[in-house]
Amino acid sequence: MDRTTDETLQGYDVIGDVHGHLDALEGLLARLDYARVDGTWRHPSRQAIFVGDLIDRGSHQVEVARLVQRMVAAGAAQIVIGNHEYNAIAWATPMPGDGDRFCRDHNAKNRAQHAEFLEQVGEGSALHAVLLDWFRELPLWLEVSLGDARLRVVHACWSQPAIDRLATMLSPTRSLTRDAVVATSVRGSAMYDALEVVLKGPEVDLDGLTYLDKGGHERRKARRRWWDPTATTLRGSAIIPGGSRTPDGKPFPVLPDTEVDPFGRYDDDVPVIVGHYWCQAPLALYSSLVACVDYSVAKNGPLVAYRWSGESELSVARYVAHPVAHPGTEGSTAPFEDV
């Protein structure tokens, strides 16, 4: 697999899901000792890597996307695509042979999730087209190096079987072709399932139980702890958001310790950093090899980065958080579903 390396760099700063929160992003960049030089945020000896999900939910989505786009163009940053950038592409991509349908259905639920971005960018505008073109260029995963040390970055899950399947339809830079957008939009197909794993994480069936997510939608599956080789039971594997309730309004019950089908465990020795999972404070690693940098900035949590400088095992001490208060939002940082 191709790796990005630069012998002049001293490290990479992997930044979590920004979701349109410009003040939080600029505050974190300043805390990481980046500064504006010729209109672009830069660091003299380090490079930022964004885990995707620049858009949706926040009030400065276009400004965030343009800031990161300038950093990438200047060589000050890299980025992998998040599920929200993918959704934006699929929303605007007609399904071949059916001019009235798009790769992401224009139903009420999907429009509500994407409406703020469409309003801020101006749906169908020249700027909208520019950003969509850029989103299409973003790789689905990265592997970078410092000397002999390697680091992997992906939005939700590093699954080699899913990555290998997707690679058959991606561009040479691991970005989405039009055919790949269409193929990954066909629910139930092998390409759809592979993209779901990489950009949203694998799920486990709840064995007949259901819960309501924060949007009030009924969920029969839950994300699973793919990074934990000991998570072999339903209780240990499923990630149920705190405070979840059943469709009849009761607290979601404790899951049984029934065994679940194994998911291909991550057993490489290369560290991986992901976003996506709407973690809660305090900052913590998933394992010595897997860290999440999404700490729910859109729900009053901090914007978080992991400063990687070549270590083979990750450390909580390498996290940097920029705490932010968002007037008018609820104070909980409990994770919620992201589709």
Protein backbone atom coordinates (compact mmCIF):
# COMPACT_ATOMS: atom_id res chain seq x y z
CA MET A 1 0.00 0.00 0.00
CA ASP A 2 1.27 3.47 -0.88
CA ARG A 3 2.39 5.56 2.05
CA THR A 4 2.78 9.31 2.38
CA THR A 5 6.10 10.28 3.89
CA ASP A 6 8.12 13.48 4.27
CA GLU A 7 11.54 13.35 5.86
CA THR A 8 11.28 17.01 6.93
CA LEU A 9 8.22 16.43 9.12
CA GLN A 10 8.45 15.80 12.85
CA GLY A 11 4.93 14.55 13.27
CA TYR A 12 1.25 14.58 12.33
CA ASP A 13 -1.67 16.14 14.19
CA VAL A 14 -4.82 14.12 13.53
CA ILE A 15 -7.87 16.33 14.06
CA GLY A 16 -11.36 15.06 14.86
CA ASP A 17 -14.74 15.72 13.22
CA VAL A 18 -15.20 19.51 12.98
CA HIS A 19 -18.83 19.60 11.74
CA GLY A 20 -18.77 23.26 10.75
CA HIS A 21 -17.40 24.67 14.04
CA LEU A 22 -14.92 27.25 12.75
CA ASP A 23 -14.06 28.86 16.10
CA ALA A 24 -13.28 25.46 17.59
CA LEU A 25 -11.05 24.54 14.65
CA GLU A 26 -9.11 27.79 14.72
CA GLY A 27 -8.78 27.55 18.49
CA LEU A 28 -7.40 24.02 18.28
CA LEU A 29 -4.99 24.91 15.48
CA ALA A 30 -3.64 27.80 17.56
CA ARG A 31 -3.32 25.50 20.58
CA LEU A 32 -1.29 23.13 18.38
CA ASP A 33 1.03 26.03 17.42
CA TYR A 34 -0.26 26.42 13.87
CA ALA A 35 -0.38 29.99 12.60
CA ARG A 36 -1.78 31.82 9.57
CA VAL A 37 0.92 32.32 6.96
CA ASP A 38 -0.11 33.84 3.63
CA GLY A 39 -3.74 33.15 4.46
CA THR A 40 -3.29 29.46 5.36
CA TRP A 41 -2.87 27.77 8.73
CA ARG A 42 0.53 26.04 8.87
CA HIS A 43 3.00 24.50 11.29
CA PRO A 44 6.76 24.83 10.72
CA SER A 45 7.50 21.13 11.26
CA ARG A 46 4.23 19.20 11.49
CA GLN A 47 1.27 18.42 9.25
CA ALA A 48 -2.41 18.20 10.15
CA ILE A 49 -4.57 15.23 9.10
CA PHE A 50 -8.35 15.61 9.21
CA VAL A 51 -10.54 12.54 9.73
CA GLY A 52 -13.42 13.96 7.66
CA ASP A 53 -16.90 15.19 8.60
CA LEU A 54 -16.08 18.85 8.10
CA ILE A 55 -19.71 19.65 7.28
CA ASP A 56 -23.28 19.30 8.64
CA ARG A 57 -24.59 20.57 11.99
CA GLY A 58 -22.39 23.66 12.57
CA SER A 59 -22.95 27.28 11.55
CA HIS A 60 -19.74 27.75 9.50
CA GLN A 61 -19.61 24.64 7.34
CA VAL A 62 -18.45 26.33 4.15
CA GLU A 63 -15.77 28.31 5.98
CA VAL A 64 -14.45 25.14 7.66
CA ALA A 65 -14.34 23.26 4.36
CA ARG A 66 -12.56 26.12 2.60
CA LEU A 67 -10.03 26.51 5.44
CA VAL A 68 -9.12 22.82 5.28
CA GLN A 69 -9.13 22.87 1.49
CA ARG A 70 -6.54 25.68 1.55
CA MET A 71 -4.41 23.79 4.07
CA VAL A 72 -4.44 20.67 1.90
CA ALA A 73 -3.61 22.64 -1.25
CA ALA A 74 -0.68 24.29 0.55
CA GLY A 75 0.69 20.97 1.82
CA ALA A 76 -0.06 21.93 5.43
CA ALA A 77 -2.66 19.17 5.84
CA GLN A 78 -4.09 15.94 4.51
CA ILE A 79 -7.61 14.62 4.90
CA VAL A 80 -9.66 11.44 4.55
CA ILE A 81 -13.30 11.55 3.55
CA GLY A 82 -15.98 11.22 6.23
CA ASN A 83 -19.47 9.80 5.86
CA HIS A 84 -20.91 13.32 5.69
CA GLU A 85 -18.77 14.29 2.69
CA TYR A 86 -19.71 10.96 1.10
CA ASN A 87 -23.39 11.69 1.79
CA ALA A 88 -23.03 15.12 0.17
CA ILE A 89 -21.60 13.52 -2.98
CA ALA A 90 -24.26 10.81 -3.10
CA TRP A 91 -27.02 13.39 -2.51
CA ALA A 92 -25.93 15.24 -5.66
CA THR A 93 -25.22 12.17 -7.84
CA PRO A 94 -28.14 10.98 -10.01
CA MET A 95 -28.73 7.24 -10.12
CA PRO A 96 -27.94 6.06 -13.67
CA GLY A 97 -31.02 5.29 -15.72
CA ASP A 98 -33.37 7.14 -13.37
CA GLY A 99 -33.13 10.92 -13.54
CA ASP A 100 -35.59 11.31 -10.67
CA ARG A 101 -33.50 9.33 -8.16
CA PHE A 102 -30.19 10.08 -6.54
CA CYS A 103 -27.59 7.83 -4.96
CA ARG A 104 -28.70 9.21 -1.59
CA ASP A 105 -32.47 9.38 -1.43
CA HIS A 106 -33.94 12.87 -1.14
CA ASN A 107 -36.28 11.82 1.62
CA ALA A 108 -37.22 13.98 4.61
CA LYS A 109 -34.76 12.33 7.00
CA ASN A 110 -31.76 12.73 4.69
CA ARG A 111 -32.71 16.28 3.73
CA ALA A 112 -33.03 17.32 7.37
CA GLN A 113 -29.54 16.03 8.12
CA HIS A 114 -28.01 17.84 5.14
CA ALA A 115 -30.22 20.95 5.03
CA GLU A 116 -27.89 23.35 6.84
CA PHE A 117 -25.01 22.64 4.49
CA LEU A 118 -27.24 23.02 1.44
CA GLU A 119 -28.52 26.35 2.77
CA GLN A 120 -25.07 27.65 3.68
CA VAL A 121 -23.42 26.64 0.41
CA GLY A 122 -26.42 27.36 -1.81
CA GLU A 123 -27.64 24.08 -3.30
CA GLY A 124 -26.67 23.92 -6.96
CA SER A 125 -24.41 26.99 -6.76
CA ALA A 126 -20.94 27.27 -8.29
CA LEU A 127 -19.44 27.01 -4.79
CA HIS A 128 -21.46 23.86 -4.12
CA ALA A 129 -20.00 22.32 -7.29
CA VAL A 130 -16.46 23.33 -6.28
CA LEU A 131 -16.76 21.69 -2.86
CA LEU A 132 -18.36 18.55 -4.27
CA ASP A 133 -15.49 18.24 -6.76
CA TRP A 134 -13.03 18.51 -3.87
CA PHE A 135 -14.92 15.98 -1.75
CA ARG A 136 -14.67 13.53 -4.66
CA GLU A 137 -10.87 13.89 -4.57
CA LEU A 138 -10.53 12.92 -0.90
CA PRO A 139 -9.01 9.49 -0.18
CA LEU A 140 -10.95 6.98 1.91
CA TRP A 141 -7.88 6.17 4.03
CA LEU A 142 -4.28 7.25 4.53
CA GLU A 143 -1.10 5.59 5.69
CA VAL A 144 1.73 7.98 6.60
CA SER A 145 5.28 7.43 7.81
CA LEU A 146 7.95 8.94 9.98
CA GLY A 147 11.12 7.01 9.23
CA ASP A 148 10.19 3.36 9.69
CA ALA A 149 7.15 4.19 11.86
CA ARG A 150 3.70 4.07 10.26
CA LEU A 151 0.29 5.49 11.10
CA ARG A 152 -3.10 4.76 9.54
CA VAL A 153 -6.01 7.20 9.43
CA VAL A 154 -9.56 6.35 8.40
CA HIS A 155 -12.90 7.86 9.31
CA ALA A 156 -14.45 4.93 11.21
CA CYS A 157 -12.80 1.52 10.84
CA TRP A 158 -9.64 0.02 9.40
CA SER A 159 -10.90 -3.27 8.03
CA GLN A 160 -8.51 -4.77 5.51
CA PRO A 161 -11.13 -6.92 3.75
CA ALA A 162 -13.42 -3.87 3.30
CA ILE A 163 -10.51 -1.70 2.18
CA ASP A 164 -9.34 -4.30 -0.33
CA ARG A 165 -12.85 -4.59 -1.78
CA LEU A 166 -13.28 -0.82 -2.11
CA ALA A 167 -9.83 -0.41 -3.68
CA THR A 168 -11.02 -2.29 -6.76
CA MET A 169 -13.29 0.64 -7.72
CA LEU A 170 -11.39 3.67 -6.41
CA SER A 171 -9.07 6.03 -8.25
CA PRO A 172 -5.28 5.58 -7.94
CA THR A 173 -5.38 8.12 -5.09
CA ARG A 174 -8.03 6.04 -3.24
CA SER A 175 -10.81 8.55 -3.93
CA LEU A 176 -14.32 7.88 -5.20
CA THR A 177 -15.00 7.42 -8.88
CA ARG A 178 -18.52 8.00 -10.14
CA ASP A 179 -18.95 4.26 -10.58
CA ALA A 180 -17.83 3.74 -6.97
CA VAL A 181 -20.40 6.25 -5.70
CA VAL A 182 -23.14 4.39 -7.55
CA ALA A 183 -21.95 0.92 -6.49
CA THR A 184 -21.62 1.88 -2.82
CA SER A 185 -25.13 3.36 -2.85
CA VAL A 186 -26.85 0.06 -3.65
CA ARG A 187 -28.06 -1.13 -0.26
CA GLY A 188 -27.18 -4.74 0.45
CA SER A 189 -24.42 -4.98 -2.13
CA ALA A 190 -20.87 -6.01 -1.20
CA MET A 191 -19.56 -2.53 -2.09
CA TYR A 192 -22.26 -0.85 0.03
CA ASP A 193 -21.37 -3.03 3.01
CA ALA A 194 -17.64 -2.34 2.60
CA LEU A 195 -18.18 1.42 2.54
CA GLU A 196 -20.45 1.22 5.58
CA VAL A 197 -17.68 -0.50 7.53
CA VAL A 198 -14.95 1.97 6.54
CA LEU A 199 -16.98 5.19 6.91
CA LYS A 200 -19.46 4.24 9.66
CA GLY A 201 -17.98 1.20 11.38
CA PRO A 202 -19.25 -2.39 11.52
CA GLU A 203 -22.54 -3.18 13.25
CA VAL A 204 -23.86 -6.05 15.32
CA ASP A 205 -27.45 -7.28 15.27
CA LEU A 206 -29.25 -6.74 18.59
CA ASP A 207 -30.98 -10.12 18.43
CA GLY A 208 -34.52 -8.75 18.24
CA LEU A 209 -34.03 -5.77 20.57
CA THR A 210 -34.43 -2.21 19.30
CA TYR A 211 -33.64 1.25 20.62
CA LEU A 212 -34.40 4.79 19.53
CA ASP A 213 -31.45 6.95 18.52
CA LYS A 214 -31.26 10.66 19.31
CA GLY A 215 -33.21 11.43 16.15
CA GLY A 216 -36.04 9.14 17.23
CA HIS A 217 -35.23 6.50 14.63
CA GLU A 218 -35.56 2.85 15.56
CA ARG A 219 -32.27 0.89 15.50
CA ARG A 220 -32.08 -2.89 15.28
CA LYS A 221 -28.28 -2.91 15.05
CA ALA A 222 -25.54 -1.14 16.99
CA ARG A 223 -21.98 -0.20 16.18
CA ARG A 224 -19.49 -2.67 17.50
CA ARG A 225 -16.13 -2.42 19.24
CA TRP A 226 -14.09 -3.70 16.30
CA TRP A 227 -10.85 -2.66 18.00
CA ASP A 228 -11.43 -4.90 21.02
CA PRO A 229 -10.46 -8.57 20.50
CA THR A 230 -12.19 -9.48 23.77
CA ALA A 231 -15.56 -8.14 22.59
CA THR A 232 -17.03 -11.53 21.69
CA THR A 233 -20.48 -11.17 23.28
CA LEU A 234 -23.42 -8.95 22.41
CA ARG A 235 -23.02 -6.99 25.66
CA GLY A 236 -19.30 -6.51 25.15
CA SER A 237 -19.47 -5.77 21.45
CA ALA A 238 -22.42 -3.38 21.01
CA ILE A 239 -22.03 0.39 21.47
CA ILE A 240 -25.35 1.68 22.81
CA PRO A 241 -25.54 5.48 23.31
CA GLY A 242 -26.05 6.49 26.92
CA GLY A 243 -29.67 7.11 27.91
CA SER A 244 -31.09 5.08 25.01
CA ARG A 245 -34.69 3.94 25.25
CA THR A 246 -36.83 1.27 23.64
CA PRO A 247 -39.59 2.28 21.18
CA ASP A 248 -42.15 2.12 24.03
CA GLY A 249 -40.13 4.63 26.07
CA LYS A 250 -38.50 2.29 28.57
CA PRO A 251 -34.76 2.40 29.36
CA PHE A 252 -32.87 0.14 26.99
CA PRO A 253 -32.09 -3.08 28.87
CA VAL A 254 -28.69 -4.53 29.63
CA LEU A 255 -27.73 -6.73 26.71
CA PRO A 256 -27.17 -10.45 27.27
CA ASP A 257 -23.77 -12.10 27.21
CA THR A 258 -24.65 -14.20 24.19
CA GLU A 259 -21.82 -14.84 21.77
CA VAL A 260 -21.82 -12.91 18.49
CA ASP A 261 -20.32 -13.69 15.13
CA PRO A 262 -16.71 -12.48 15.16
CA PHE A 263 -15.72 -9.43 13.16
CA GLY A 264 -12.27 -9.46 11.56
CA ARG A 265 -10.25 -8.12 14.47
CA TYR A 266 -7.58 -5.51 13.91
CA ASP A 267 -4.38 -7.35 14.73
CA ASP A 268 -1.76 -5.42 12.74
CA ASP A 269 0.96 -3.58 14.64
CA VAL A 270 0.36 -0.23 12.89
CA PRO A 271 -1.53 2.36 15.01
CA VAL A 272 -4.87 3.62 13.68
CA ILE A 273 -6.65 6.91 14.41
CA VAL A 274 -10.36 7.33 13.63
CA GLY A 275 -13.14 9.85 14.16
CA HIS A 276 -16.91 9.36 13.86
CA TYR A 277 -17.87 7.83 17.21
CA TRP A 278 -19.05 10.86 19.25
CA CYS A 279 -17.00 9.92 22.30
CA GLN A 280 -17.50 11.44 25.75
CA ALA A 281 -14.91 12.94 28.06
CA PRO A 282 -12.59 12.02 29.64
CA LEU A 283 -10.20 11.43 26.76
CA ALA A 284 -9.22 7.79 26.46
CA LEU A 285 -7.72 5.36 23.96
CA TYR A 286 -9.71 2.51 22.48
CA SER A 287 -6.55 0.41 22.75
CA SER A 288 -2.80 0.86 22.57
CA LEU A 289 -3.17 0.77 18.78
CA VAL A 290 -6.50 2.54 18.16
CA ALA A 291 -7.51 6.08 19.16
CA CYS A 292 -10.63 8.13 18.39
CA VAL A 293 -10.43 11.91 18.02
CA ASP A 294 -14.19 12.62 17.77
CA TYR A 295 -15.34 14.03 21.11
CA SER A 296 -18.70 15.50 20.07
CA VAL A 297 -17.83 19.11 19.27
CA ALA A 298 -21.34 19.49 17.84
CA LYS A 299 -22.80 18.51 21.23
CA ASN A 300 -20.74 20.86 23.39
CA GLY A 301 -17.72 18.59 23.60
CA PRO A 302 -14.13 19.61 22.84
CA LEU A 303 -12.46 19.49 19.46
CA VAL A 304 -9.62 17.00 19.83
CA ALA A 305 -6.37 16.15 18.05
CA TYR A 306 -3.87 13.36 18.52
CA ARG A 307 -0.22 14.44 18.09
CA TRP A 308 1.59 11.47 16.56
CA SER A 309 5.37 11.65 16.49
CA GLY A 310 6.27 8.12 15.47
CA GLU A 311 5.32 6.13 18.59
CA SER A 312 4.42 2.49 17.96
CA GLU A 313 1.93 2.46 20.84
CA LEU A 314 -0.52 5.31 21.30
CA SER A 315 -0.67 7.37 24.51
CA VAL A 316 -3.41 9.45 26.14
CA ALA A 317 -0.74 12.07 26.81
CA ARG A 318 -0.63 12.78 23.08
CA TYR A 319 -4.21 14.09 22.98
CA VAL A 320 -4.76 17.85 22.76
CA ALA A 321 -8.27 19.17 23.39
CA HIS A 322 -9.72 22.62 22.79
CA PRO A 323 -12.78 22.98 25.04
CA VAL A 324 -15.57 24.97 23.49
CA ALA A 325 -18.93 26.21 24.76
CA HIS A 326 -21.72 26.47 22.23
CA PRO A 327 -24.51 28.82 23.36
CA GLY A 328 -27.96 27.43 22.82
CA THR A 329 -26.96 23.75 22.68
CA GLU A 330 -27.59 21.10 25.27
CA GLY A 331 -24.69 20.40 27.59
CA SER A 332 -24.50 16.62 27.26
CA THR A 333 -21.72 15.08 25.22
CA ALA A 334 -23.46 11.70 25.06
CA PRO A 335 -22.83 10.05 21.70
CA PHE A 336 -25.65 9.85 19.17
CA GLU A 337 -26.20 8.09 15.89
CA ASP A 338 -24.55 9.41 12.74
CA VAL A 339 -25.78 8.17 9.38
